[in-house]
Amino acid sequence: MPRLITEECINCGACEPECPVGAISEGENIYIIDTNVCVDCKGHYDSPRCVEYCPVDCIPPLE
């Protein structure tokens, strides 16, 4: 299930280099995840890297 970055994002950029498929990019005010590209790190890592590195816990699964 793809993830999204909520408005709680502090625009720190910690998540972007951790994405193995390049789904995260800097938006106008916060980082954004391309939900068409995000694979939730399946096939790459045991858990989503962006979530592990996010200091404010703002990357929930897209529902």
PDB file of N, CA and C in Angstrom:
ATOM      1  N   MET A   1       0.848  -1.176   0.000  1.00  0.00           N
ATOM      2  CA  MET A   1       0.000   0.000   0.000  1.00  0.00           C
ATOM      3  C   MET A   1       0.891   1.236   0.000  1.00  0.00           C
ATOM      4  N   PRO A   2       0.665   2.157  -0.925  1.00  0.00           N
ATOM      5  CA  PRO A   2       1.486   3.369  -0.946  1.00  0.00           C
ATOM      6  C   PRO A   2       1.272   4.233   0.291  1.00  0.00           C
ATOM      7  N   ARG A   3       2.172   5.147   0.502  1.00  0.00           N
ATOM      8  CA  ARG A   3       2.112   6.062   1.645  1.00  0.00           C
ATOM      9  C   ARG A   3       1.936   7.487   1.161  1.00  0.00           C
ATOM     10  N   LEU A   4       1.617   8.373   2.102  1.00  0.00           N
ATOM     11  CA  LEU A   4       1.524   9.793   1.798  1.00  0.00           C
ATOM     12  C   LEU A   4       2.170  10.567   2.920  1.00  0.00           C
ATOM     13  N   ILE A   5       2.544  11.793   2.630  1.00  0.00           N
ATOM     14  CA  ILE A   5       3.149  12.662   3.633  1.00  0.00           C
ATOM     15  C   ILE A   5       2.110  13.708   4.008  1.00  0.00           C
ATOM     16  N   THR A   6       1.840  13.812   5.295  1.00  0.00           N
ATOM     17  CA  THR A   6       0.805  14.729   5.772  1.00  0.00           C
ATOM     18  C   THR A   6       1.365  16.139   6.007  1.00  0.00           C
ATOM     19  N   GLU A   7       0.480  17.048   6.323  1.00  0.00           N
ATOM     20  CA  GLU A   7       0.840  18.447   6.566  1.00  0.00           C
ATOM     21  C   GLU A   7       1.738  18.628   7.789  1.00  0.00           C
ATOM     22  N   GLU A   8       1.889  17.594   8.613  1.00  0.00           N
ATOM     23  CA  GLU A   8       2.779  17.678   9.768  1.00  0.00           C
ATOM     24  C   GLU A   8       4.252  17.668   9.362  1.00  0.00           C
ATOM     25  N   CYS A   9       4.531  17.398   8.081  1.00  0.00           N
ATOM     26  CA  CYS A   9       5.899  17.361   7.558  1.00  0.00           C
ATOM     27  C   CYS A   9       6.619  18.675   7.877  1.00  0.00           C
ATOM     28  N   ILE A  10       7.856  18.563   8.366  1.00  0.00           N
ATOM     29  CA  ILE A  10       8.651  19.759   8.684  1.00  0.00           C
ATOM     30  C   ILE A  10       9.646  20.075   7.569  1.00  0.00           C
ATOM     31  N   ASN A  11       9.502  19.393   6.436  1.00  0.00           N
ATOM     32  CA  ASN A  11      10.308  19.672   5.247  1.00  0.00           C
ATOM     33  C   ASN A  11      11.801  19.472   5.498  1.00  0.00           C
ATOM     34  N   CYS A  12      12.142  18.457   6.284  1.00  0.00           N
ATOM     35  CA  CYS A  12      13.546  18.225   6.635  1.00  0.00           C
ATOM     36  C   CYS A  12      14.307  17.467   5.546  1.00  0.00           C
ATOM     37  N   GLY A  13      13.601  16.688   4.736  1.00  0.00           N
ATOM     38  CA  GLY A  13      14.238  15.953   3.659  1.00  0.00           C
ATOM     39  C   GLY A  13      14.855  14.625   4.034  1.00  0.00           C
ATOM     40  N   ALA A  14      14.682  14.173   5.256  1.00  0.00           N
ATOM     41  CA  ALA A  14      15.285  12.912   5.694  1.00  0.00           C
ATOM     42  C   ALA A  14      14.749  11.714   4.920  1.00  0.00           C
ATOM     43  N   CYS A  15      13.528  11.793   4.466  1.00  0.00           N
ATOM     44  CA  CYS A  15      12.888  10.674   3.788  1.00  0.00           C
ATOM     45  C   CYS A  15      13.347  10.492   2.341  1.00  0.00           C
ATOM     46  N   GLU A  16      13.585  11.575   1.645  1.00  0.00           N
ATOM     47  CA  GLU A  16      13.837  11.521   0.200  1.00  0.00           C
ATOM     48  C   GLU A  16      14.959  10.566  -0.211  1.00  0.00           C
ATOM     49  N   PRO A  17      16.156  10.660   0.366  1.00  0.00           N
ATOM     50  CA  PRO A  17      17.227   9.764  -0.083  1.00  0.00           C
ATOM     51  C   PRO A  17      17.023   8.308   0.325  1.00  0.00           C
ATOM     52  N   GLU A  18      16.094   8.037   1.222  1.00  0.00           N
ATOM     53  CA  GLU A  18      15.858   6.671   1.686  1.00  0.00           C
ATOM     54  C   GLU A  18      14.935   5.873   0.774  1.00  0.00           C
ATOM     55  N   CYS A  19      14.217   6.536  -0.118  1.00  0.00           N
ATOM     56  CA  CYS A  19      13.251   5.850  -0.977  1.00  0.00           C
ATOM     57  C   CYS A  19      13.963   5.077  -2.081  1.00  0.00           C
ATOM     58  N   PRO A  20      13.808   3.748  -2.124  1.00  0.00           N
ATOM     59  CA  PRO A  20      14.523   2.946  -3.114  1.00  0.00           C
ATOM     60  C   PRO A  20      13.978   3.080  -4.533  1.00  0.00           C
ATOM     61  N   VAL A  21      12.796   3.651  -4.688  1.00  0.00           N
ATOM     62  CA  VAL A  21      12.201   3.779  -6.021  1.00  0.00           C
ATOM     63  C   VAL A  21      12.049   5.233  -6.463  1.00  0.00           C
ATOM     64  N   GLY A  22      12.553   6.172  -5.680  1.00  0.00           N
ATOM     65  CA  GLY A  22      12.507   7.580  -6.052  1.00  0.00           C
ATOM     66  C   GLY A  22      11.118   8.184  -6.068  1.00  0.00           C
ATOM     67  N   ALA A  23      10.241   7.710  -5.182  1.00  0.00           N
ATOM     68  CA  ALA A  23       8.863   8.199  -5.153  1.00  0.00           C
ATOM     69  C   ALA A  23       8.696   9.497  -4.367  1.00  0.00           C
ATOM     70  N   ILE A  24       9.712   9.909  -3.620  1.00  0.00           N
ATOM     71  CA  ILE A  24       9.604  11.090  -2.762  1.00  0.00           C
ATOM     72  C   ILE A  24      10.348  12.261  -3.396  1.00  0.00           C
ATOM     73  N   SER A  25       9.687  13.411  -3.396  1.00  0.00           N
ATOM     74  CA  SER A  25      10.315  14.618  -3.929  1.00  0.00           C
ATOM     75  C   SER A  25       9.883  15.819  -3.102  1.00  0.00           C
ATOM     76  N   GLU A  26      10.636  16.903  -3.246  1.00  0.00           N
ATOM     77  CA  GLU A  26      10.317  18.115  -2.501  1.00  0.00           C
ATOM     78  C   GLU A  26       9.164  18.838  -3.189  1.00  0.00           C
ATOM     79  N   GLY A  27       8.115  19.094  -2.422  1.00  0.00           N
ATOM     80  CA  GLY A  27       6.987  19.850  -2.930  1.00  0.00           C
ATOM     81  C   GLY A  27       7.151  21.316  -2.599  1.00  0.00           C
ATOM     82  N   GLU A  28       6.096  22.075  -2.764  1.00  0.00           N
ATOM     83  CA  GLU A  28       6.163  23.512  -2.493  1.00  0.00           C
ATOM     84  C   GLU A  28       6.398  23.812  -1.016  1.00  0.00           C
ATOM     85  N   ASN A  29       5.658  23.133  -0.137  1.00  0.00           N
ATOM     86  CA  ASN A  29       5.783  23.371   1.310  1.00  0.00           C
ATOM     87  C   ASN A  29       6.232  22.153   2.090  1.00  0.00           C
ATOM     88  N   ILE A  30       5.947  20.975   1.580  1.00  0.00           N
ATOM     89  CA  ILE A  30       6.309  19.724   2.241  1.00  0.00           C
ATOM     90  C   ILE A  30       6.789  18.737   1.183  1.00  0.00           C
ATOM     91  N   TYR A  31       7.406  17.668   1.624  1.00  0.00           N
ATOM     92  CA  TYR A  31       7.791  16.619   0.690  1.00  0.00           C
ATOM     93  C   TYR A  31       6.535  15.853   0.286  1.00  0.00           C
ATOM     94  N   ILE A  32       6.574  15.280  -0.907  1.00  0.00           N
ATOM     95  CA  ILE A  32       5.417  14.541  -1.409  1.00  0.00           C
ATOM     96  C   ILE A  32       5.848  13.165  -1.900  1.00  0.00           C
ATOM     97  N   ILE A  33       4.909  12.235  -1.889  1.00  0.00           N
ATOM     98  CA  ILE A  33       5.147  10.886  -2.373  1.00  0.00           C
ATOM     99  C   ILE A  33       4.264  10.662  -3.589  1.00  0.00           C
ATOM    100  N   ASP A  34       4.862  10.211  -4.681  1.00  0.00           N
ATOM    101  CA  ASP A  34       4.100   9.833  -5.864  1.00  0.00           C
ATOM    102  C   ASP A  34       3.497   8.464  -5.584  1.00  0.00           C
ATOM    103  N   THR A  35       2.208   8.422  -5.336  1.00  0.00           N
ATOM    104  CA  THR A  35       1.541   7.172  -4.951  1.00  0.00           C
ATOM    105  C   THR A  35       1.504   6.155  -6.088  1.00  0.00           C
ATOM    106  N   ASN A  36       1.747   6.598  -7.302  1.00  0.00           N
ATOM    107  CA  ASN A  36       1.814   5.668  -8.436  1.00  0.00           C
ATOM    108  C   ASN A  36       3.159   4.965  -8.510  1.00  0.00           C
ATOM    109  N   VAL A  37       4.145   5.495  -7.802  1.00  0.00           N
ATOM    110  CA  VAL A  37       5.494   4.927  -7.809  1.00  0.00           C
ATOM    111  C   VAL A  37       5.809   4.200  -6.497  1.00  0.00           C
ATOM    112  N   CYS A  38       5.273   4.684  -5.376  1.00  0.00           N
ATOM    113  CA  CYS A  38       5.557   4.123  -4.053  1.00  0.00           C
ATOM    114  C   CYS A  38       5.164   2.650  -3.974  1.00  0.00           C
ATOM    115  N   VAL A  39       6.092   1.826  -3.483  1.00  0.00           N
ATOM    116  CA  VAL A  39       5.838   0.393  -3.288  1.00  0.00           C
ATOM    117  C   VAL A  39       5.912   0.024  -1.805  1.00  0.00           C
ATOM    118  N   ASP A  40       5.928   1.034  -0.927  1.00  0.00           N
ATOM    119  CA  ASP A  40       6.002   0.817   0.518  1.00  0.00           C
ATOM    120  C   ASP A  40       7.233  -0.015   0.890  1.00  0.00           C
ATOM    121  N   CYS A  41       8.266   0.093   0.073  1.00  0.00           N
ATOM    122  CA  CYS A  41       9.555  -0.605   0.231  1.00  0.00           C
ATOM    123  C   CYS A  41       9.463  -2.123   0.082  1.00  0.00           C
ATOM    124  N   LYS A  42       8.317  -2.623  -0.362  1.00  0.00           N
ATOM    125  CA  LYS A  42       8.175  -4.071  -0.576  1.00  0.00           C
ATOM    126  C   LYS A  42       9.162  -4.520  -1.653  1.00  0.00           C
ATOM    127  N   GLY A  43       9.879  -5.585  -1.353  1.00  0.00           N
ATOM    128  CA  GLY A  43      10.886  -6.087  -2.268  1.00  0.00           C
ATOM    129  C   GLY A  43      12.240  -5.403  -2.117  1.00  0.00           C
ATOM    130  N   HIS A  44      12.305  -4.400  -1.256  1.00  0.00           N
ATOM    131  CA  HIS A  44      13.558  -3.677  -1.027  1.00  0.00           C
ATOM    132  C   HIS A  44      14.009  -3.752   0.432  1.00  0.00           C
ATOM    133  N   TYR A  45      13.060  -3.507   1.350  1.00  0.00           N
ATOM    134  CA  TYR A  45      13.354  -3.502   2.792  1.00  0.00           C
ATOM    135  C   TYR A  45      12.217  -4.171   3.544  1.00  0.00           C
ATOM    136  N   ASP A  46      12.462  -4.519   4.789  1.00  0.00           N
ATOM    137  CA  ASP A  46      11.439  -5.156   5.618  1.00  0.00           C
ATOM    138  C   ASP A  46      10.347  -4.193   6.062  1.00  0.00           C
ATOM    139  N   SER A  47      10.669  -2.906   6.114  1.00  0.00           N
ATOM    140  CA  SER A  47       9.690  -1.897   6.517  1.00  0.00           C
ATOM    141  C   SER A  47       9.974  -0.616   5.728  1.00  0.00           C
ATOM    142  N   PRO A  48       9.004   0.285   5.646  1.00  0.00           N
ATOM    143  CA  PRO A  48       9.189   1.514   4.888  1.00  0.00           C
ATOM    144  C   PRO A  48      10.301   2.390   5.458  1.00  0.00           C
ATOM    145  N   ARG A  49      11.303   2.667   4.651  1.00  0.00           N
ATOM    146  CA  ARG A  49      12.456   3.451   5.090  1.00  0.00           C
ATOM    147  C   ARG A  49      12.068   4.881   5.428  1.00  0.00           C
ATOM    148  N   CYS A  50      11.161   5.470   4.667  1.00  0.00           N
ATOM    149  CA  CYS A  50      10.774   6.860   4.926  1.00  0.00           C
ATOM    150  C   CYS A  50      10.193   7.002   6.333  1.00  0.00           C
ATOM    151  N   VAL A  51       9.408   6.018   6.736  1.00  0.00           N
ATOM    152  CA  VAL A  51       8.797   6.048   8.072  1.00  0.00           C
ATOM    153  C   VAL A  51       9.879   5.940   9.141  1.00  0.00           C
ATOM    154  N   GLU A  52      10.846   5.085   8.907  1.00  0.00           N
ATOM    155  CA  GLU A  52      11.936   4.896   9.869  1.00  0.00           C
ATOM    156  C   GLU A  52      12.748   6.175  10.075  1.00  0.00           C
ATOM    157  N   TYR A  53      12.950   6.950   9.028  1.00  0.00           N
ATOM    158  CA  TYR A  53      13.798   8.131   9.103  1.00  0.00           C
ATOM    159  C   TYR A  53      13.047   9.424   9.384  1.00  0.00           C
ATOM    160  N   CYS A  54      11.734   9.420   9.300  1.00  0.00           N
ATOM    161  CA  CYS A  54      10.939  10.627   9.543  1.00  0.00           C
ATOM    162  C   CYS A  54      10.956  10.983  11.035  1.00  0.00           C
ATOM    163  N   PRO A  55      11.408  12.192  11.382  1.00  0.00           N
ATOM    164  CA  PRO A  55      11.474  12.567  12.788  1.00  0.00           C
ATOM    165  C   PRO A  55      10.134  12.989  13.395  1.00  0.00           C
ATOM    166  N   VAL A  56       9.106  13.180  12.566  1.00  0.00           N
ATOM    167  CA  VAL A  56       7.829  13.644  13.100  1.00  0.00           C
ATOM    168  C   VAL A  56       6.665  12.689  12.845  1.00  0.00           C
ATOM    169  N   ASP A  57       6.931  11.499  12.321  1.00  0.00           N
ATOM    170  CA  ASP A  57       5.897  10.475  12.139  1.00  0.00           C
ATOM    171  C   ASP A  57       4.723  11.013  11.316  1.00  0.00           C
ATOM    172  N   CYS A  58       5.015  11.479  10.105  1.00  0.00           N
ATOM    173  CA  CYS A  58       3.959  12.077   9.271  1.00  0.00           C
ATOM    174  C   CYS A  58       3.755  11.323   7.954  1.00  0.00           C
ATOM    175  N   ILE A  59       4.092  10.014   7.928  1.00  0.00           N
ATOM    176  CA  ILE A  59       3.996   9.267   6.671  1.00  0.00           C
ATOM    177  C   ILE A  59       3.146   8.008   6.863  1.00  0.00           C
ATOM    178  N   PRO A  60       1.823   8.172   6.968  1.00  0.00           N
ATOM    179  CA  PRO A  60       0.935   7.020   7.139  1.00  0.00           C
ATOM    180  C   PRO A  60       0.665   6.327   5.798  1.00  0.00           C
ATOM    181  N   PRO A  61       0.103   5.114   5.856  1.00  0.00           N
ATOM    182  CA  PRO A  61      -0.318   4.460   4.618  1.00  0.00           C
ATOM    183  C   PRO A  61      -1.496   5.214   4.006  1.00  0.00           C
ATOM    184  N   LEU A  62      -1.563   5.225   2.693  1.00  0.00           N
ATOM    185  CA  LEU A  62      -2.690   5.815   1.990  1.00  0.00           C
ATOM    186  C   LEU A  62      -3.879   4.890   2.160  1.00  0.00           C
ATOM    187  N   GLU A  63      -4.999   5.435   2.558  1.00  0.00           N
ATOM    188  CA  GLU A  63      -6.181   4.584   2.784  1.00  0.00           C
ATOM    189  C   GLU A  63      -7.185   4.766   1.695  1.00  0.00           C
TER     190      GLU A  63
END
